[in-house]
């Protein structure tokens, strides 16, 4: 019974947090075997062109919670290799995850990514940019399998909390950059 009550409180808090987001943030994390499916979206008042510039600014990811390093190590055609280091805490335990992720700039509206090497066992997904009213909806889909001894329920809680913070920070950063006129059309 106690587990049920904690589960209801956890999901109520998540729903309340998403509903109160100024960016219409929705986030769901689903366990799927040893992996987690992450489905999220939020809306920002950027044009599609500005959104493409924002999502492809790989090195600006250091402005988001937990991301300590993000640098382009190669670019060839529509493929970009990015080396990234994430540092965070699960409870009081510090964690650090390194990865090399290949981004494929499939079109102006689709950005696919896949971890080629790193500390997670598996990480693959996509971003989709959809014009919506006076802005753009950023849609994120990913599957991740952590290589960790962290209990599954704790890993799910950590992923949900960190991704919520990260997406909120991304939306806020995009809004600030728009206000500062940092998106230059060529």
N, C-alpha and C. Protein backbone atom coordinates (compact mmCIF):
# COMPACT_ATOMS: atom_id res chain seq x y z
N UNK A 1 0.82 -1.19 0.00
CA UNK A 1 0.00 0.00 0.00
C UNK A 1 0.87 1.26 0.00
N UNK A 2 1.94 1.23 0.77
CA UNK A 2 2.84 2.37 0.85
C UNK A 2 3.48 2.66 -0.51
N UNK A 3 3.86 1.60 -1.23
CA UNK A 3 4.44 1.76 -2.56
C UNK A 3 3.42 2.40 -3.50
N UNK A 4 2.17 1.98 -3.41
CA UNK A 4 1.12 2.54 -4.25
C UNK A 4 0.96 4.04 -3.98
N UNK A 5 0.91 4.42 -2.70
CA UNK A 5 0.75 5.83 -2.33
C UNK A 5 1.94 6.65 -2.82
N UNK A 6 3.16 6.14 -2.65
CA UNK A 6 4.34 6.85 -3.15
C UNK A 6 4.28 7.01 -4.66
N UNK A 7 3.84 5.97 -5.36
CA UNK A 7 3.71 6.03 -6.81
C UNK A 7 2.72 7.08 -7.25
N UNK A 8 1.57 7.14 -6.58
CA UNK A 8 0.56 8.15 -6.90
C UNK A 8 1.09 9.54 -6.65
N UNK A 9 1.76 9.76 -5.52
CA UNK A 9 2.34 11.07 -5.22
C UNK A 9 3.39 11.46 -6.24
N UNK A 10 4.24 10.51 -6.64
CA UNK A 10 5.29 10.78 -7.62
C UNK A 10 4.69 11.22 -8.96
N UNK A 11 3.71 10.46 -9.47
CA UNK A 11 3.12 10.79 -10.76
C UNK A 11 2.26 12.05 -10.69
N UNK A 12 1.64 12.32 -9.54
CA UNK A 12 0.89 13.57 -9.37
C UNK A 12 1.84 14.75 -9.41
N UNK A 13 3.00 14.63 -8.76
CA UNK A 13 4.00 15.70 -8.79
C UNK A 13 4.50 15.94 -10.20
N UNK A 14 4.74 14.88 -10.94
CA UNK A 14 5.20 15.03 -12.33
C UNK A 14 4.14 15.71 -13.18
N UNK A 15 2.89 15.30 -13.04
CA UNK A 15 1.81 15.90 -13.82
C UNK A 15 1.66 17.37 -13.47
N UNK A 16 1.72 17.71 -12.19
CA UNK A 16 1.60 19.10 -11.76
C UNK A 16 2.74 19.93 -12.30
N UNK A 17 3.95 19.36 -12.27
CA UNK A 17 5.11 20.09 -12.76
C UNK A 17 4.97 20.37 -14.25
N UNK A 18 4.54 19.39 -15.03
CA UNK A 18 4.37 19.58 -16.47
C UNK A 18 3.27 20.58 -16.76
N UNK A 19 2.19 20.52 -16.00
CA UNK A 19 1.06 21.40 -16.25
C UNK A 19 1.40 22.85 -15.92
N UNK A 20 2.33 23.07 -14.98
CA UNK A 20 2.67 24.43 -14.57
C UNK A 20 3.81 25.03 -15.39
N UNK A 21 4.34 24.30 -16.34
CA UNK A 21 5.47 24.78 -17.13
C UNK A 21 5.03 25.86 -18.10
N UNK A 22 5.75 26.98 -18.15
CA UNK A 22 5.40 28.02 -19.12
C UNK A 22 5.68 27.59 -20.57
N UNK A 23 6.37 26.50 -20.74
CA UNK A 23 6.73 26.02 -22.08
C UNK A 23 5.91 24.80 -22.49
N UNK A 24 4.82 24.55 -21.78
CA UNK A 24 3.93 23.42 -22.08
C UNK A 24 4.75 22.14 -22.17
N UNK A 25 5.62 21.95 -21.17
CA UNK A 25 6.51 20.79 -21.13
C UNK A 25 5.74 19.53 -20.73
N UNK A 26 5.93 18.48 -21.52
CA UNK A 26 5.39 17.16 -21.20
C UNK A 26 6.55 16.18 -21.23
N UNK A 27 6.64 15.33 -20.23
CA UNK A 27 7.72 14.35 -20.16
C UNK A 27 7.17 13.06 -19.60
N UNK A 28 7.50 11.96 -20.28
CA UNK A 28 7.13 10.64 -19.79
C UNK A 28 8.35 9.73 -19.94
N UNK A 29 8.58 8.93 -18.93
CA UNK A 29 9.66 7.94 -18.94
C UNK A 29 9.01 6.58 -18.71
N UNK A 30 9.24 5.68 -19.67
CA UNK A 30 8.64 4.35 -19.60
C UNK A 30 9.73 3.29 -19.49
N UNK A 31 9.66 2.43 -18.48
CA UNK A 31 10.58 1.28 -18.44
C UNK A 31 10.22 0.33 -19.59
N UNK A 32 11.25 -0.21 -20.24
CA UNK A 32 11.06 -1.16 -21.34
C UNK A 32 12.20 -2.18 -21.26
N UNK A 33 11.99 -3.26 -20.54
CA UNK A 33 13.07 -4.21 -20.30
C UNK A 33 14.16 -3.55 -19.47
N UNK A 34 15.40 -3.62 -19.94
CA UNK A 34 16.52 -2.97 -19.25
C UNK A 34 16.68 -1.51 -19.65
N UNK A 35 15.84 -1.06 -20.56
CA UNK A 35 15.95 0.29 -21.10
C UNK A 35 14.79 1.17 -20.64
N UNK A 36 14.96 2.46 -20.89
CA UNK A 36 13.91 3.43 -20.64
C UNK A 36 13.60 4.16 -21.93
N UNK A 37 12.32 4.31 -22.21
CA UNK A 37 11.85 5.14 -23.33
C UNK A 37 11.55 6.51 -22.75
N UNK A 38 12.05 7.55 -23.38
CA UNK A 38 11.81 8.92 -22.94
C UNK A 38 11.06 9.64 -24.07
N UNK A 39 9.93 10.21 -23.72
CA UNK A 39 9.11 10.96 -24.68
C UNK A 39 8.85 12.32 -24.06
N UNK A 40 9.25 13.38 -24.75
CA UNK A 40 9.08 14.72 -24.19
C UNK A 40 8.80 15.72 -25.31
N UNK A 41 8.17 16.80 -24.95
CA UNK A 41 8.02 17.91 -25.88
C UNK A 41 7.78 19.20 -25.10
N UNK A 42 8.15 20.31 -25.70
CA UNK A 42 7.90 21.62 -25.14
C UNK A 42 7.82 22.62 -26.29
N UNK A 43 7.22 23.77 -26.01
CA UNK A 43 7.05 24.79 -27.04
C UNK A 43 7.78 26.06 -26.66
N UNK A 44 8.47 26.63 -27.66
CA UNK A 44 9.19 27.88 -27.47
C UNK A 44 8.81 28.83 -28.60
N UNK A 45 8.80 30.12 -28.34
CA UNK A 45 8.41 31.12 -29.32
C UNK A 45 9.48 31.44 -30.35
N UNK A 46 10.11 30.42 -30.90
CA UNK A 46 11.11 30.59 -31.96
C UNK A 46 10.50 30.16 -33.29
N UNK A 47 10.95 30.78 -34.36
CA UNK A 47 10.57 30.32 -35.69
C UNK A 47 11.26 28.98 -35.94
N UNK A 48 10.85 28.27 -36.97
CA UNK A 48 11.51 27.01 -37.31
C UNK A 48 12.99 27.25 -37.59
N UNK A 49 13.31 28.29 -38.35
CA UNK A 49 14.71 28.59 -38.67
C UNK A 49 15.53 28.82 -37.39
N UNK A 50 14.99 29.61 -36.46
CA UNK A 50 15.69 29.87 -35.20
C UNK A 50 15.83 28.59 -34.38
N UNK A 51 14.83 27.75 -34.43
CA UNK A 51 14.86 26.48 -33.70
C UNK A 51 15.94 25.55 -34.23
N UNK A 52 16.13 25.53 -35.55
CA UNK A 52 17.18 24.71 -36.16
C UNK A 52 18.55 25.20 -35.69
N UNK A 53 18.76 26.51 -35.70
CA UNK A 53 20.02 27.08 -35.22
C UNK A 53 20.25 26.67 -33.76
N UNK A 54 19.20 26.76 -32.94
CA UNK A 54 19.31 26.45 -31.52
C UNK A 54 19.66 24.98 -31.28
N UNK A 55 18.92 24.07 -31.90
CA UNK A 55 19.10 22.64 -31.62
C UNK A 55 20.44 22.12 -32.16
N UNK A 56 20.98 22.79 -33.18
CA UNK A 56 22.26 22.36 -33.75
C UNK A 56 23.47 23.06 -33.12
N UNK A 57 23.24 23.85 -32.09
CA UNK A 57 24.34 24.50 -31.37
C UNK A 57 24.82 23.54 -30.28
N UNK A 58 25.52 22.49 -30.72
CA UNK A 58 25.90 21.38 -29.84
C UNK A 58 26.77 21.82 -28.67
N UNK A 59 27.64 22.77 -28.89
CA UNK A 59 28.55 23.19 -27.82
C UNK A 59 27.86 24.06 -26.77
N UNK A 60 26.70 24.62 -27.09
CA UNK A 60 25.95 25.42 -26.11
C UNK A 60 25.28 24.54 -25.06
N UNK A 61 25.33 23.23 -25.23
CA UNK A 61 24.71 22.32 -24.26
C UNK A 61 25.31 22.47 -22.87
N UNK A 62 26.50 23.04 -22.76
CA UNK A 62 27.11 23.24 -21.43
C UNK A 62 26.29 24.21 -20.58
N UNK A 63 25.34 24.91 -21.19
CA UNK A 63 24.47 25.82 -20.44
C UNK A 63 23.31 25.10 -19.75
N UNK A 64 23.21 23.79 -19.93
CA UNK A 64 22.09 23.04 -19.38
C UNK A 64 22.54 22.21 -18.19
N UNK A 65 21.65 22.00 -17.22
CA UNK A 65 22.02 21.29 -15.98
C UNK A 65 22.67 19.93 -16.23
N UNK A 66 23.79 19.72 -15.55
CA UNK A 66 24.47 18.43 -15.59
C UNK A 66 25.47 18.27 -16.71
N UNK A 67 25.39 19.07 -17.76
CA UNK A 67 26.30 18.91 -18.89
C UNK A 67 27.53 19.79 -18.65
N UNK A 68 28.65 19.13 -18.42
CA UNK A 68 29.89 19.84 -18.09
C UNK A 68 30.77 20.10 -19.30
N UNK A 69 30.66 19.24 -20.30
CA UNK A 69 31.48 19.42 -21.51
C UNK A 69 30.66 18.95 -22.71
N UNK A 70 30.75 19.71 -23.79
CA UNK A 70 30.09 19.33 -25.02
C UNK A 70 30.84 20.00 -26.15
N UNK A 71 31.61 19.20 -26.88
CA UNK A 71 32.40 19.81 -27.96
C UNK A 71 32.33 18.96 -29.22
N UNK A 72 32.30 19.66 -30.33
CA UNK A 72 32.29 19.00 -31.63
C UNK A 72 33.69 18.46 -31.90
N UNK A 73 33.78 17.16 -32.20
CA UNK A 73 35.10 16.59 -32.51
C UNK A 73 35.26 16.34 -34.00
N UNK A 74 34.16 16.29 -34.74
CA UNK A 74 34.26 16.23 -36.21
C UNK A 74 32.92 16.55 -36.83
N UNK A 75 32.99 17.01 -38.07
CA UNK A 75 31.79 17.33 -38.84
C UNK A 75 32.07 16.91 -40.28
N UNK A 76 31.15 16.11 -40.84
CA UNK A 76 31.29 15.66 -42.22
C UNK A 76 29.89 15.59 -42.84
N UNK A 77 29.64 16.48 -43.78
CA UNK A 77 28.32 16.53 -44.40
C UNK A 77 27.26 16.85 -43.35
N UNK A 78 26.27 15.97 -43.24
CA UNK A 78 25.19 16.20 -42.28
C UNK A 78 25.41 15.45 -40.96
N UNK A 79 26.62 14.91 -40.75
CA UNK A 79 26.92 14.15 -39.54
C UNK A 79 27.92 14.91 -38.66
N UNK A 80 27.59 14.95 -37.37
CA UNK A 80 28.42 15.68 -36.41
C UNK A 80 28.70 14.75 -35.23
N UNK A 81 29.98 14.61 -34.87
CA UNK A 81 30.36 13.84 -33.68
C UNK A 81 30.60 14.82 -32.54
N UNK A 82 29.95 14.54 -31.40
CA UNK A 82 30.05 15.42 -30.24
C UNK A 82 30.51 14.59 -29.04
N UNK A 83 31.54 15.09 -28.38
CA UNK A 83 32.01 14.47 -27.15
C UNK A 83 31.35 15.22 -25.99
N UNK A 84 30.73 14.46 -25.09
CA UNK A 84 29.95 15.09 -24.03
C UNK A 84 30.26 14.42 -22.69
N UNK A 85 30.32 15.25 -21.64
CA UNK A 85 30.48 14.75 -20.27
C UNK A 85 29.33 15.29 -19.44
N UNK A 86 28.66 14.38 -18.75
CA UNK A 86 27.55 14.74 -17.86
C UNK A 86 27.99 14.40 -16.44
N UNK A 87 27.81 15.36 -15.54
CA UNK A 87 28.12 15.14 -14.12
C UNK A 87 26.88 15.48 -13.32
N UNK A 88 26.55 14.60 -12.39
CA UNK A 88 25.37 14.83 -11.56
C UNK A 88 25.49 14.02 -10.28
N UNK A 89 24.41 13.96 -9.53
CA UNK A 89 24.36 13.18 -8.29
C UNK A 89 23.07 12.37 -8.27
N UNK A 90 23.19 11.14 -7.83
CA UNK A 90 22.02 10.34 -7.49
C UNK A 90 22.08 10.21 -5.98
N UNK A 91 21.12 10.84 -5.33
CA UNK A 91 21.16 11.05 -3.89
C UNK A 91 22.44 11.81 -3.59
N UNK A 92 23.35 11.27 -2.84
CA UNK A 92 24.60 11.98 -2.55
C UNK A 92 25.78 11.40 -3.31
N UNK A 93 25.49 10.47 -4.20
CA UNK A 93 26.56 9.79 -4.94
C UNK A 93 26.84 10.53 -6.25
N UNK A 94 28.07 11.06 -6.41
CA UNK A 94 28.38 11.74 -7.67
C UNK A 94 28.54 10.73 -8.81
N UNK A 95 28.02 11.10 -9.97
CA UNK A 95 28.19 10.26 -11.15
C UNK A 95 28.75 11.10 -12.28
N UNK A 96 29.49 10.46 -13.15
CA UNK A 96 30.01 11.12 -14.34
C UNK A 96 29.82 10.15 -15.50
N UNK A 97 29.26 10.65 -16.58
CA UNK A 97 29.05 9.83 -17.78
C UNK A 97 29.67 10.56 -18.97
N UNK A 98 30.48 9.83 -19.69
CA UNK A 98 31.10 10.38 -20.91
C UNK A 98 30.50 9.65 -22.10
N UNK A 99 30.44 10.37 -23.22
CA UNK A 99 29.92 9.73 -24.43
C UNK A 99 30.40 10.45 -25.67
N UNK A 100 30.39 9.73 -26.76
CA UNK A 100 30.57 10.31 -28.09
C UNK A 100 29.28 9.99 -28.83
N UNK A 101 28.58 11.05 -29.22
CA UNK A 101 27.28 10.92 -29.86
C UNK A 101 27.38 11.42 -31.29
N UNK A 102 26.82 10.64 -32.21
CA UNK A 102 26.76 11.05 -33.61
C UNK A 102 25.37 11.64 -33.87
N UNK A 103 25.36 12.88 -34.33
CA UNK A 103 24.12 13.54 -34.71
C UNK A 103 24.02 13.53 -36.23
N UNK A 104 22.85 13.21 -36.75
CA UNK A 104 22.59 13.24 -38.19
C UNK A 104 21.52 14.29 -38.43
N UNK A 105 21.93 15.37 -39.09
CA UNK A 105 21.03 16.47 -39.40
C UNK A 105 20.22 16.06 -40.64
N UNK A 106 19.21 15.24 -40.41
CA UNK A 106 18.43 14.61 -41.47
C UNK A 106 17.70 15.64 -42.32
N UNK A 107 17.09 16.63 -41.68
CA UNK A 107 16.40 17.72 -42.38
C UNK A 107 16.34 18.89 -41.40
N UNK A 108 15.70 19.99 -41.83
CA UNK A 108 15.55 21.11 -40.90
C UNK A 108 14.65 20.75 -39.73
N UNK A 109 13.82 19.73 -39.89
CA UNK A 109 12.89 19.39 -38.83
C UNK A 109 13.27 18.14 -38.04
N UNK A 110 14.27 17.38 -38.51
CA UNK A 110 14.62 16.12 -37.84
C UNK A 110 16.12 16.06 -37.57
N UNK A 111 16.45 15.72 -36.33
CA UNK A 111 17.84 15.53 -35.91
C UNK A 111 17.90 14.19 -35.17
N UNK A 112 18.55 13.21 -35.77
CA UNK A 112 18.70 11.89 -35.15
C UNK A 112 20.03 11.82 -34.43
N UNK A 113 20.10 11.03 -33.37
CA UNK A 113 21.36 10.88 -32.66
C UNK A 113 21.51 9.46 -32.14
N UNK A 114 22.79 9.07 -31.96
CA UNK A 114 23.10 7.74 -31.44
C UNK A 114 24.46 7.79 -30.77
N UNK A 115 24.52 7.21 -29.57
CA UNK A 115 25.81 7.11 -28.88
C UNK A 115 26.66 6.06 -29.58
N UNK A 116 27.88 6.46 -29.98
CA UNK A 116 28.81 5.52 -30.61
C UNK A 116 29.68 4.84 -29.56
N UNK A 117 30.02 5.59 -28.51
CA UNK A 117 30.77 5.01 -27.40
C UNK A 117 30.46 5.83 -26.16
N UNK A 118 30.63 5.19 -25.00
CA UNK A 118 30.37 5.93 -23.77
C UNK A 118 29.97 5.03 -22.63
N UNK A 119 29.56 5.68 -21.56
CA UNK A 119 29.26 4.98 -20.32
C UNK A 119 27.86 4.36 -20.27
N UNK A 120 26.94 4.84 -21.07
CA UNK A 120 25.63 4.19 -21.15
C UNK A 120 25.77 2.98 -22.07
N UNK A 121 24.99 1.95 -21.80
CA UNK A 121 25.04 0.77 -22.67
C UNK A 121 24.41 1.08 -24.02
N UNK A 122 23.40 1.97 -24.01
CA UNK A 122 22.67 2.28 -25.23
C UNK A 122 22.02 3.65 -25.09
N UNK A 123 22.12 4.46 -26.13
CA UNK A 123 21.45 5.76 -26.15
C UNK A 123 21.23 6.15 -27.59
N UNK A 124 19.97 6.27 -27.98
CA UNK A 124 19.62 6.59 -29.36
C UNK A 124 18.28 7.29 -29.38
N UNK A 125 18.12 8.26 -30.29
CA UNK A 125 16.84 8.95 -30.36
C UNK A 125 16.80 10.00 -31.44
N UNK A 126 15.87 10.93 -31.26
CA UNK A 126 15.70 11.99 -32.25
C UNK A 126 15.05 13.22 -31.63
N UNK A 127 15.29 14.33 -32.30
CA UNK A 127 14.59 15.58 -32.06
C UNK A 127 13.77 15.86 -33.31
N UNK A 128 12.56 16.34 -33.12
CA UNK A 128 11.73 16.77 -34.24
C UNK A 128 11.23 18.18 -33.90
N UNK A 129 11.32 19.06 -34.88
CA UNK A 129 10.87 20.44 -34.70
C UNK A 129 9.61 20.65 -35.53
N UNK A 130 8.52 20.99 -34.86
CA UNK A 130 7.24 21.18 -35.55
C UNK A 130 6.73 22.60 -35.31
N UNK A 131 6.61 23.40 -36.39
CA UNK A 131 6.01 24.74 -36.22
C UNK A 131 4.61 24.59 -35.61
N UNK A 132 4.31 25.47 -34.66
CA UNK A 132 3.02 25.41 -33.98
C UNK A 132 2.62 26.82 -33.55
N UNK A 133 1.61 27.36 -34.20
CA UNK A 133 1.15 28.71 -33.86
C UNK A 133 2.26 29.72 -34.00
N UNK A 134 2.55 30.44 -32.93
CA UNK A 134 3.59 31.48 -32.95
C UNK A 134 4.95 30.97 -32.48
N UNK A 135 5.18 29.68 -32.58
CA UNK A 135 6.46 29.13 -32.14
C UNK A 135 6.74 27.78 -32.75
N UNK A 136 7.58 27.02 -32.07
CA UNK A 136 7.98 25.69 -32.53
C UNK A 136 7.90 24.73 -31.35
N UNK A 137 7.37 23.55 -31.61
CA UNK A 137 7.33 22.50 -30.60
C UNK A 137 8.54 21.60 -30.82
N UNK A 138 9.36 21.45 -29.78
CA UNK A 138 10.53 20.58 -29.78
C UNK A 138 10.07 19.23 -29.25
N UNK A 139 10.20 18.19 -30.07
CA UNK A 139 9.79 16.84 -29.67
C UNK A 139 11.02 15.94 -29.56
N UNK A 140 11.17 15.34 -28.40
CA UNK A 140 12.33 14.50 -28.09
C UNK A 140 11.85 13.08 -27.86
N UNK A 141 12.50 12.13 -28.51
CA UNK A 141 12.22 10.71 -28.31
C UNK A 141 13.57 10.02 -28.17
N UNK A 142 13.72 9.18 -27.15
CA UNK A 142 14.99 8.49 -26.96
C UNK A 142 14.80 7.20 -26.20
N UNK A 143 15.77 6.31 -26.38
CA UNK A 143 15.85 5.09 -25.60
C UNK A 143 17.23 5.07 -24.97
N UNK A 144 17.27 4.78 -23.67
CA UNK A 144 18.55 4.74 -22.97
C UNK A 144 18.60 3.50 -22.09
N UNK A 145 19.79 2.93 -22.04
CA UNK A 145 20.06 1.84 -21.09
C UNK A 145 21.33 2.23 -20.35
N UNK A 146 21.19 2.43 -19.06
CA UNK A 146 22.33 2.82 -18.23
C UNK A 146 23.13 1.58 -17.84
N UNK A 147 24.43 1.71 -17.79
CA UNK A 147 25.27 0.62 -17.30
C UNK A 147 25.64 0.99 -15.87
N UNK A 148 24.79 0.58 -14.97
CA UNK A 148 24.95 1.01 -13.59
C UNK A 148 24.37 -0.03 -12.65
N UNK A 149 24.81 0.05 -11.40
CA UNK A 149 24.24 -0.82 -10.38
C UNK A 149 23.13 -0.11 -9.62
N UNK A 150 22.73 1.07 -10.13
CA UNK A 150 21.66 1.84 -9.50
C UNK A 150 20.35 1.08 -9.67
N UNK A 151 19.56 0.93 -8.61
CA UNK A 151 18.27 0.25 -8.74
C UNK A 151 17.39 0.92 -9.79
N UNK A 152 16.62 0.12 -10.48
CA UNK A 152 15.78 0.57 -11.59
C UNK A 152 14.86 1.73 -11.23
N UNK A 153 14.19 1.65 -10.09
CA UNK A 153 13.26 2.71 -9.69
C UNK A 153 14.00 4.02 -9.43
N UNK A 154 15.19 3.93 -8.86
CA UNK A 154 15.99 5.12 -8.62
C UNK A 154 16.49 5.70 -9.94
N UNK A 155 16.88 4.84 -10.88
CA UNK A 155 17.32 5.30 -12.20
C UNK A 155 16.19 6.04 -12.91
N UNK A 156 14.97 5.50 -12.84
CA UNK A 156 13.83 6.14 -13.49
C UNK A 156 13.55 7.51 -12.86
N UNK A 157 13.60 7.58 -11.55
CA UNK A 157 13.40 8.84 -10.84
C UNK A 157 14.47 9.86 -11.25
N UNK A 158 15.73 9.42 -11.32
CA UNK A 158 16.84 10.29 -11.70
C UNK A 158 16.66 10.79 -13.13
N UNK A 159 16.36 9.90 -14.06
CA UNK A 159 16.18 10.29 -15.46
C UNK A 159 15.06 11.31 -15.58
N UNK A 160 13.94 11.05 -14.93
CA UNK A 160 12.79 11.96 -15.00
C UNK A 160 13.15 13.33 -14.45
N UNK A 161 13.78 13.37 -13.29
CA UNK A 161 14.15 14.64 -12.68
C UNK A 161 15.15 15.42 -13.50
N UNK A 162 16.18 14.75 -13.97
CA UNK A 162 17.22 15.44 -14.73
C UNK A 162 16.73 15.90 -16.09
N UNK A 163 15.93 15.09 -16.76
CA UNK A 163 15.42 15.48 -18.07
C UNK A 163 14.46 16.65 -17.95
N UNK A 164 13.65 16.67 -16.90
CA UNK A 164 12.74 17.81 -16.69
C UNK A 164 13.55 19.09 -16.54
N UNK A 165 14.57 19.06 -15.69
CA UNK A 165 15.43 20.24 -15.48
C UNK A 165 16.10 20.66 -16.79
N UNK A 166 16.60 19.68 -17.52
CA UNK A 166 17.33 19.97 -18.76
C UNK A 166 16.41 20.60 -19.82
N UNK A 167 15.22 20.03 -20.01
CA UNK A 167 14.31 20.57 -21.02
C UNK A 167 13.81 21.96 -20.62
N UNK A 168 13.54 22.18 -19.34
CA UNK A 168 13.15 23.51 -18.89
C UNK A 168 14.27 24.52 -19.14
N UNK A 169 15.50 24.11 -18.86
CA UNK A 169 16.64 25.00 -19.09
C UNK A 169 16.84 25.27 -20.58
N UNK A 170 16.63 24.27 -21.42
CA UNK A 170 16.74 24.47 -22.86
C UNK A 170 15.71 25.49 -23.34
N UNK A 171 14.47 25.34 -22.90
CA UNK A 171 13.40 26.26 -23.31
C UNK A 171 13.69 27.67 -22.82
N UNK A 172 14.15 27.79 -21.59
CA UNK A 172 14.47 29.10 -21.03
C UNK A 172 15.64 29.73 -21.77
N UNK A 173 16.67 28.94 -22.06
CA UNK A 173 17.84 29.45 -22.78
C UNK A 173 17.45 29.91 -24.19
N UNK A 174 16.61 29.16 -24.87
CA UNK A 174 16.15 29.56 -26.22
C UNK A 174 15.40 30.88 -26.15
N UNK A 175 14.55 31.04 -25.14
CA UNK A 175 13.77 32.26 -24.98
C UNK A 175 14.68 33.45 -24.69
N UNK A 176 15.69 33.24 -23.84
CA UNK A 176 16.65 34.31 -23.52
C UNK A 176 17.46 34.70 -24.76
N UNK A 177 17.90 33.72 -25.51
CA UNK A 177 18.68 34.01 -26.72
C UNK A 177 17.85 34.76 -27.74
N UNK A 178 16.56 34.44 -27.83
CA UNK A 178 15.66 35.16 -28.74
C UNK A 178 15.54 36.61 -28.29
N UNK A 179 15.36 36.84 -26.99
CA UNK A 179 15.26 38.20 -26.45
C UNK A 179 16.53 39.00 -26.68
N UNK A 180 17.67 38.32 -26.69
CA UNK A 180 18.96 38.98 -26.89
C UNK A 180 19.33 39.04 -28.39
N UNK A 181 18.40 38.63 -29.24
CA UNK A 181 18.58 38.66 -30.69
C UNK A 181 19.84 37.92 -31.14
N UNK A 182 20.05 36.70 -30.58
CA UNK A 182 21.23 35.92 -30.90
C UNK A 182 21.03 35.00 -32.10
N UNK A 183 19.83 34.99 -32.68
CA UNK A 183 19.57 34.17 -33.85
C UNK A 183 19.63 35.05 -35.08
N UNK A 184 20.72 34.93 -35.84
CA UNK A 184 20.92 35.78 -37.00
C UNK A 184 20.59 35.01 -38.26
N UNK A 185 19.69 35.56 -39.05
CA UNK A 185 19.32 34.94 -40.33
C UNK A 185 20.32 35.39 -41.38
N UNK A 186 20.85 34.42 -42.13
CA UNK A 186 21.85 34.73 -43.16
C UNK A 186 21.20 34.83 -44.51
